[in-house]
């Protein structure tokens, strides 16, 4: 009977842990860069350090950006309401609707 999975050679096993110190801003940038490539941070850093490809998923980048814009508009709307300033519903709603429509087009 043959094994379904072959055991990795000892030299190829990921058994060494490296520790790297970065600033909060760098850490967030690394997390964001990994996220848009749909990689975990470890795999993203490994690929970057070893000069391997880490393709950008432009649909994910666009989707993330549209979600951030939509959330920012919602936060602005909430802040206006909280401060008793009448929000400009007629100005804000079309922007949110347009962003949501764009996200739906991308997700298809």
Protein backbone atom coordinates (compact mmCIF):
# COMPACT_ATOMS: atom_id res chain seq x y z
CA UNK A 1 0.00 0.00 0.00
CA UNK A 2 1.36 3.43 -0.91
CA UNK A 3 1.15 6.36 1.44
CA UNK A 4 -1.37 9.04 0.56
CA UNK A 5 0.99 11.75 1.71
CA UNK A 6 4.76 11.65 1.57
CA UNK A 7 6.73 12.85 4.53
CA UNK A 8 8.76 15.96 3.77
CA UNK A 9 12.50 15.79 3.83
CA UNK A 10 13.94 17.15 7.04
CA UNK A 11 15.63 20.01 5.16
CA UNK A 12 12.25 21.12 3.76
CA UNK A 13 10.32 21.03 7.04
CA UNK A 14 9.39 24.39 8.50
CA UNK A 15 10.84 24.00 11.94
CA UNK A 16 12.85 27.21 12.44
CA UNK A 17 11.10 30.27 13.83
CA UNK A 18 12.41 33.73 12.97
CA UNK A 19 11.38 36.83 14.89
CA UNK A 20 11.24 40.20 13.19
CA UNK A 21 10.41 43.51 14.84
CA UNK A 22 8.40 46.06 12.87
CA UNK A 23 6.51 49.23 13.72
CA UNK A 24 2.70 49.21 14.10
CA UNK A 25 2.40 50.97 10.74
CA UNK A 26 4.65 48.38 9.06
CA UNK A 27 2.73 45.54 10.69
CA UNK A 28 -0.58 46.90 9.42
CA UNK A 29 0.88 47.37 5.93
CA UNK A 30 2.18 43.78 5.94
CA UNK A 31 -1.21 42.48 7.11
CA UNK A 32 -3.00 44.48 4.43
CA UNK A 33 -0.58 43.37 1.71
CA UNK A 34 -1.03 39.73 2.76
CA UNK A 35 -4.81 40.12 2.90
CA UNK A 36 -5.09 41.50 -0.65
CA UNK A 37 -3.01 38.57 -1.86
CA UNK A 38 -5.20 36.15 0.11
CA UNK A 39 -2.18 34.83 1.99
CA UNK A 40 -1.56 34.54 5.69
CA UNK A 41 1.11 36.89 7.02
CA UNK A 42 3.69 34.12 7.44
CA UNK A 43 3.37 32.93 3.85
CA UNK A 44 3.41 36.50 2.54
CA UNK A 45 6.60 37.35 4.45
CA UNK A 46 8.22 34.06 3.40
CA UNK A 47 7.48 34.75 -0.27
CA UNK A 48 8.63 38.36 -0.05
CA UNK A 49 11.87 37.44 1.71
CA UNK A 50 12.68 34.65 -0.73
CA UNK A 51 11.76 36.63 -3.85
CA UNK A 52 8.79 34.43 -4.73
CA UNK A 53 5.66 35.67 -6.47
CA UNK A 54 2.75 36.88 -4.39
CA UNK A 55 0.17 37.97 -6.96
CA UNK A 56 -2.24 40.74 -6.03
CA UNK A 57 -5.92 39.90 -6.22
CA UNK A 58 -7.13 43.18 -7.71
CA UNK A 59 -10.77 42.27 -7.23
CA UNK A 60 -10.11 41.83 -3.52
CA UNK A 61 -8.25 45.17 -3.40
CA UNK A 62 -11.12 46.94 -5.15
CA UNK A 63 -13.70 45.25 -2.96
CA UNK A 64 -11.81 46.14 0.21
CA UNK A 65 -11.44 49.76 -0.92
CA UNK A 66 -15.14 50.05 -1.72
CA UNK A 67 -16.05 48.55 1.65
CA UNK A 68 -13.76 51.04 3.40
CA UNK A 69 -15.35 53.95 1.51
CA UNK A 70 -18.83 52.72 2.36
CA UNK A 71 -17.93 52.26 6.04
CA UNK A 72 -16.34 55.72 6.16
CA UNK A 73 -19.50 57.27 4.74
CA UNK A 74 -21.62 55.41 7.30
CA UNK A 75 -19.33 56.60 10.10
CA UNK A 76 -19.58 60.19 8.80
CA UNK A 77 -23.36 59.88 8.67
CA UNK A 78 -23.47 58.54 12.26
CA UNK A 79 -21.15 61.31 13.49
CA UNK A 80 -23.38 63.96 11.90
CA UNK A 81 -26.50 62.48 13.48
CA UNK A 82 -24.75 62.17 16.86
CA UNK A 83 -23.82 65.87 16.80
CA UNK A 84 -27.29 66.95 15.80
CA UNK A 85 -26.23 68.02 12.31
CA UNK A 86 -28.81 67.04 9.72
CA UNK A 87 -27.07 64.63 7.34
CA UNK A 88 -27.32 65.20 3.61
CA UNK A 89 -29.23 62.00 2.82
CA UNK A 90 -29.74 62.96 -0.79
CA UNK A 91 -25.99 63.47 -1.23
CA UNK A 92 -24.74 60.46 0.75
CA UNK A 93 -27.22 57.74 -0.28
CA UNK A 94 -26.31 57.69 -4.02
CA UNK A 95 -22.62 57.29 -3.14
CA UNK A 96 -23.33 54.34 -0.84
CA UNK A 97 -25.69 52.78 -3.41
CA UNK A 98 -23.05 53.18 -6.14
CA UNK A 99 -20.35 51.55 -3.96
CA UNK A 100 -22.64 48.65 -3.07
CA UNK A 101 -23.59 48.15 -6.74
CA UNK A 102 -19.89 48.11 -7.68
CA UNK A 103 -19.16 45.49 -4.99
CA UNK A 104 -22.01 43.33 -6.26
CA UNK A 105 -20.69 43.56 -9.84
CA UNK A 106 -17.22 42.52 -8.72
CA UNK A 107 -18.47 39.61 -6.63
CA UNK A 108 -20.22 37.98 -9.62
